[in-house]
Amino acid sequence: MLGFKFRIDGLYFNTFRKSTSTSLILSYSIPPYTTIRGLISNALGLKRDDYTVQDWVKIGIKPLNYSNRSRELAKILKLISREQKFKCKLCQNKWMATTIPSKCPKCDSSEFYEIPNYKQFFSSAPMFKEFLFSPAYEIFIAGENDKIGYVYNALLQPDRPLYLGGSDELVDIEVSNPIEIQEVEVKEISGILEGIHENCLVEKIPYKFIQKGKDFSLEYKTVSIPQDSSISLNEEIACFRYNGDNIWLI
């Protein structure tokens, strides 16, 4: 199997927002798998809802720096729809439109009126936002030779600017050459590992999108993030070796 690694350095601040946080914008300690695939898809120039990369590569993550955290007070603007609601006097039909219509869409009657006070206005609200200061990670990629070559070339010459987290949170990447990787069984893992392990920070992070018809659901993985550089285990597990690093891929 062919694989390579690339290092990601946040230039200033990065936030990997937890979708379950509402009144407080919290950040994951590591970029979720969905975020990393988004960065690769951006480099490839794929469309917004193109999840092809999910089937192309396996990913491993080795945190280098993620402990520098801070919070800021942000002002969140609550946007309001421009739609208006109308009601037909003849057939009692109700509908919404962004402009004043000429007739009822159901009975073609011109006898209708706008429903007053349809919109509820909300003021902006202060909210604390958590962010990581200059985080750094090594990302390990593995897959079929042609797909790995395609991703490797895209990261060297991306079609679009690369960011991680928010669209204004640009990153710098350093890409290593692809190598042949071998599966090994070891008791020490460099980087994150699925499950709950000692001396680790445990987080439940987004893994992949699952499409059912026109709807999407999100699959999560519970992973252990080492406080040091590696995770020590009592039993051997299968992983892949990258020039001395034992990486768990998924």
Protein backbone atom coordinates (compact mmCIF):
# COMPACT_ATOMS: atom_id res chain seq x y z
CA MET A 1 0.00 0.00 0.00
CA LEU A 2 1.21 3.49 -0.84
CA GLY A 3 1.06 6.34 1.65
CA PHE A 4 2.52 9.70 2.60
CA LYS A 5 2.26 12.28 5.34
CA PHE A 6 1.87 16.03 5.35
CA ARG A 7 2.30 18.50 8.16
CA ILE A 8 -0.35 21.14 8.83
CA ASP A 9 0.50 24.36 10.67
CA GLY A 10 -2.21 26.84 11.57
CA LEU A 11 -0.97 30.30 10.68
CA TYR A 12 -2.82 32.10 13.47
CA PHE A 13 -6.01 30.73 15.04
CA ASN A 14 -8.10 27.68 14.19
CA THR A 15 -11.45 26.46 15.49
CA PHE A 16 -12.82 22.99 14.78
CA ARG A 17 -16.31 23.74 15.96
CA LYS A 18 -18.30 21.16 17.87
CA SER A 19 -21.69 21.08 16.19
CA THR A 20 -23.38 20.21 19.49
CA SER A 21 -22.26 23.46 21.17
CA THR A 22 -24.75 26.32 20.94
CA SER A 23 -24.39 29.08 23.52
CA LEU A 24 -20.62 28.49 23.58
CA ILE A 25 -18.58 27.77 20.44
CA LEU A 26 -16.24 24.97 21.52
CA SER A 27 -13.41 23.46 19.47
CA TYR A 28 -12.14 19.92 19.06
CA SER A 29 -8.47 19.43 19.91
CA ILE A 30 -7.76 17.87 16.51
CA PRO A 31 -9.27 18.44 13.07
CA PRO A 32 -12.08 15.90 12.52
CA TYR A 33 -11.71 13.38 9.70
CA THR A 34 -14.47 15.21 7.83
CA THR A 35 -12.46 18.45 8.05
CA ILE A 36 -9.29 16.78 6.73
CA ARG A 37 -11.21 15.27 3.82
CA GLY A 38 -12.64 18.71 3.16
CA LEU A 39 -9.13 20.16 2.93
CA ILE A 40 -8.11 17.41 0.47
CA SER A 41 -11.29 17.93 -1.57
CA ASN A 42 -10.56 21.65 -1.66
CA ALA A 43 -7.05 20.96 -2.96
CA LEU A 44 -8.54 18.69 -5.65
CA GLY A 45 -11.04 21.38 -6.65
CA LEU A 46 -14.07 19.17 -5.97
CA LYS A 47 -17.55 20.61 -5.55
CA ARG A 48 -18.95 21.45 -2.13
CA ASP A 49 -21.06 18.31 -1.62
CA ASP A 50 -18.67 15.88 -3.33
CA TYR A 51 -17.67 13.23 -0.76
CA THR A 52 -15.61 11.08 -3.15
CA VAL A 53 -12.49 11.33 -0.97
CA GLN A 54 -14.26 9.34 1.78
CA ASP A 55 -13.82 6.20 -0.33
CA TRP A 56 -10.31 6.98 -1.56
CA VAL A 57 -8.02 7.14 1.45
CA LYS A 58 -7.49 6.08 5.04
CA ILE A 59 -6.37 8.77 7.48
CA GLY A 60 -4.18 8.86 10.58
CA ILE A 61 -3.58 11.89 12.81
CA LYS A 62 -0.56 12.72 14.97
CA PRO A 63 -1.00 15.91 17.04
CA LEU A 64 2.11 18.05 17.43
CA ASN A 65 0.68 21.14 19.14
CA TYR A 66 -2.91 21.63 20.25
CA SER A 67 -2.72 22.67 23.91
CA ASN A 68 -2.59 26.46 23.41
CA ARG A 69 -6.23 27.49 23.76
CA SER A 70 -7.95 30.77 24.31
CA ARG A 71 -11.42 32.30 24.17
CA GLU A 72 -12.77 35.48 22.72
CA LEU A 73 -16.09 37.24 23.03
CA ALA A 74 -17.77 37.22 19.63
CA LYS A 75 -20.93 39.02 18.55
CA ILE A 76 -23.20 36.59 16.73
CA LEU A 77 -25.65 38.16 14.27
CA LYS A 78 -28.97 36.34 14.02
CA LEU A 79 -29.97 36.55 10.38
CA ILE A 80 -33.61 36.89 9.35
CA SER A 81 -35.23 35.53 6.20
CA ARG A 82 -36.33 38.04 3.58
CA GLU A 83 -39.48 36.04 2.87
CA GLN A 84 -42.95 37.49 3.47
CA LYS A 85 -46.13 35.53 4.18
CA PHE A 86 -49.37 36.13 2.29
CA LYS A 87 -52.96 34.86 2.57
CA CYS A 88 -55.60 34.63 -0.14
CA LYS A 89 -59.02 36.07 0.75
CA LEU A 90 -60.80 33.73 -1.65
CA CYS A 91 -59.33 30.26 -0.97
CA GLN A 92 -57.57 31.02 2.35
CA ASN A 93 -54.29 29.70 0.94
CA LYS A 94 -51.11 30.81 2.70
CA TRP A 95 -47.71 31.04 1.03
CA MET A 96 -44.35 32.72 1.35
CA ALA A 97 -42.44 34.77 -1.20
CA THR A 98 -39.43 37.07 -1.32
CA THR A 99 -41.28 39.64 -3.46
CA ILE A 100 -44.88 40.84 -3.56
CA PRO A 101 -46.78 38.41 -5.84
CA SER A 102 -49.38 39.38 -8.42
CA LYS A 103 -51.84 36.57 -7.64
CA CYS A 104 -52.51 33.57 -5.45
CA PRO A 105 -50.49 30.55 -6.68
CA LYS A 106 -53.42 28.22 -5.89
CA CYS A 107 -56.54 29.93 -7.29
CA ASP A 108 -55.02 32.83 -9.31
CA SER A 109 -57.03 35.36 -7.33
CA SER A 110 -55.60 38.84 -6.95
CA GLU A 111 -57.43 39.29 -3.66
CA PHE A 112 -54.76 38.59 -1.05
CA TYR A 113 -52.94 40.39 1.73
CA GLU A 114 -49.68 40.19 3.64
CA ILE A 115 -49.86 38.63 7.08
CA PRO A 116 -48.53 41.30 9.46
CA ASN A 117 -45.82 40.65 12.05
CA TYR A 118 -44.93 37.32 10.46
CA LYS A 119 -41.20 37.74 11.09
CA GLN A 120 -39.83 37.60 14.58
CA PHE A 121 -36.90 39.92 15.03
CA PHE A 122 -34.00 38.86 17.24
CA SER A 123 -31.16 41.05 18.35
CA SER A 124 -27.54 40.00 18.08
CA ALA A 125 -26.09 38.13 21.03
CA PRO A 126 -22.60 37.90 22.58
CA MET A 127 -21.05 34.44 22.58
CA PHE A 128 -17.71 33.03 23.72
CA LYS A 129 -15.67 31.35 20.99
CA GLU A 130 -12.85 28.91 21.74
CA PHE A 131 -9.89 28.70 19.39
CA LEU A 132 -6.49 27.01 19.15
CA PHE A 133 -3.40 29.15 18.78
CA SER A 134 -1.03 27.98 15.99
CA PRO A 135 -1.97 24.27 16.15
CA ALA A 136 0.16 21.74 14.28
CA TYR A 137 -0.53 18.17 13.16
CA GLU A 138 0.93 15.45 10.99
CA ILE A 139 -1.67 13.81 8.76
CA PHE A 140 -0.99 10.34 7.34
CA ILE A 141 -2.71 9.18 4.16
CA ALA A 142 -2.87 5.68 2.64
CA GLY A 143 -4.72 4.11 -0.27
CA GLU A 144 -4.45 2.80 -3.81
CA ASN A 145 -1.43 3.99 -5.75
CA ASP A 146 -3.31 6.05 -8.35
CA LYS A 147 -5.50 7.78 -5.75
CA ILE A 148 -2.52 8.55 -3.52
CA GLY A 149 -0.64 10.06 -6.46
CA TYR A 150 -3.66 12.18 -7.34
CA VAL A 151 -4.02 13.52 -3.78
CA TYR A 152 -0.26 14.06 -3.41
CA ASN A 153 -0.06 16.21 -6.57
CA ALA A 154 -3.16 18.17 -5.52
CA LEU A 155 -1.64 19.07 -2.14
CA LEU A 156 1.56 20.22 -3.85
CA GLN A 157 -0.42 22.43 -6.24
CA PRO A 158 -3.90 22.94 -4.78
CA ASP A 159 -6.71 24.26 -6.96
CA ARG A 160 -7.91 26.56 -4.18
CA PRO A 161 -6.41 28.14 -1.03
CA LEU A 162 -6.24 25.63 1.82
CA TYR A 163 -7.91 26.31 5.15
CA LEU A 164 -8.79 24.20 8.17
CA GLY A 165 -11.83 25.07 10.28
CA GLY A 166 -13.28 28.43 9.27
CA SER A 167 -12.94 29.68 5.70
CA ASP A 168 -10.56 32.43 6.86
CA GLU A 169 -8.35 30.09 8.93
CA LEU A 170 -5.58 29.43 6.41
CA VAL A 171 -2.90 26.79 6.98
CA ASP A 172 0.59 26.03 5.75
CA ILE A 173 1.33 22.45 4.69
CA GLU A 174 4.56 20.53 4.10
CA VAL A 175 4.13 17.36 2.03
CA SER A 176 6.47 14.35 2.23
CA ASN A 177 7.11 11.98 -0.66
CA PRO A 178 4.90 8.86 -1.01
CA ILE A 179 6.38 5.60 0.30
CA GLU A 180 5.41 1.94 0.51
CA ILE A 181 3.97 1.27 3.96
CA GLN A 182 3.69 -2.05 5.74
CA GLU A 183 1.14 -3.30 8.24
CA VAL A 184 2.72 -4.22 11.58
CA GLU A 185 1.57 -5.22 15.06
CA VAL A 186 2.94 -3.11 17.92
CA LYS A 187 2.24 -2.02 21.49
CA GLU A 188 2.95 1.66 20.94
CA ILE A 189 1.02 3.99 18.62
CA SER A 190 2.23 7.38 17.41
CA GLY A 191 -0.81 9.63 17.28
CA ILE A 192 -4.48 9.08 18.00
CA LEU A 193 -6.17 5.72 18.49
CA GLU A 194 -9.80 4.64 18.56
CA GLY A 195 -11.24 3.86 21.98
CA ILE A 196 -10.43 5.02 25.50
CA HIS A 197 -6.84 4.69 26.73
CA GLU A 198 -4.79 5.87 29.70
CA ASN A 199 -3.04 9.25 29.81
CA CYS A 200 -5.05 10.52 26.87
CA LEU A 201 -7.60 13.18 26.07
CA VAL A 202 -10.75 11.45 24.83
CA GLU A 203 -12.99 13.12 22.26
CA LYS A 204 -15.86 12.02 20.05
CA ILE A 205 -15.15 13.51 16.62
CA PRO A 206 -16.98 13.45 13.26
CA TYR A 207 -15.74 10.65 11.01
CA LYS A 208 -17.79 10.57 7.80
CA PHE A 209 -21.05 11.61 6.17
CA ILE A 210 -23.64 8.96 5.34
CA GLN A 211 -26.17 9.75 2.63
CA LYS A 212 -29.69 8.34 2.66
CA GLY A 213 -31.62 9.72 -0.28
CA LYS A 214 -31.34 13.49 -0.07
CA ASP A 215 -30.54 13.47 3.65
CA PHE A 216 -27.14 13.18 5.33
CA SER A 217 -26.23 11.84 8.74
CA LEU A 218 -22.90 12.07 10.53
CA GLU A 219 -20.93 9.14 11.93
CA TYR A 220 -18.69 9.78 14.94
CA LYS A 221 -15.61 8.01 16.31
CA THR A 222 -14.42 8.08 19.92
CA VAL A 223 -10.64 8.53 19.88
CA SER A 224 -7.84 8.94 22.41
CA ILE A 225 -5.40 11.81 21.86
CA PRO A 226 -2.01 11.19 23.55
CA GLN A 227 -0.80 13.77 26.04
CA ASP A 228 2.75 12.82 25.05
CA SER A 229 3.87 11.70 21.62
CA SER A 230 2.51 8.13 21.74
CA ILE A 231 0.05 5.71 23.34
CA SER A 232 1.37 2.62 25.15
CA LEU A 233 -0.77 -0.53 25.06
CA ASN A 234 -0.81 -3.83 26.93
CA GLU A 235 -1.48 -5.85 23.78
CA GLU A 236 -0.29 -5.57 20.21
CA ILE A 237 -2.63 -4.06 17.62
CA ALA A 238 -2.40 -3.70 13.85
CA CYS A 239 -1.21 -0.40 12.42
CA PHE A 240 0.97 0.95 9.59
CA ARG A 241 4.58 2.07 9.82
CA TYR A 242 5.69 5.34 8.27
CA ASN A 243 9.47 5.76 8.62
CA GLY A 244 9.46 4.86 12.31
CA ASP A 245 5.98 6.17 13.19
CA ASN A 246 3.36 3.53 14.03
CA ILE A 247 0.11 5.05 12.79
CA TRP A 248 -3.44 3.84 13.28
CA LEU A 249 -5.40 4.44 10.08
CA ILE A 250 -9.12 4.48 9.50
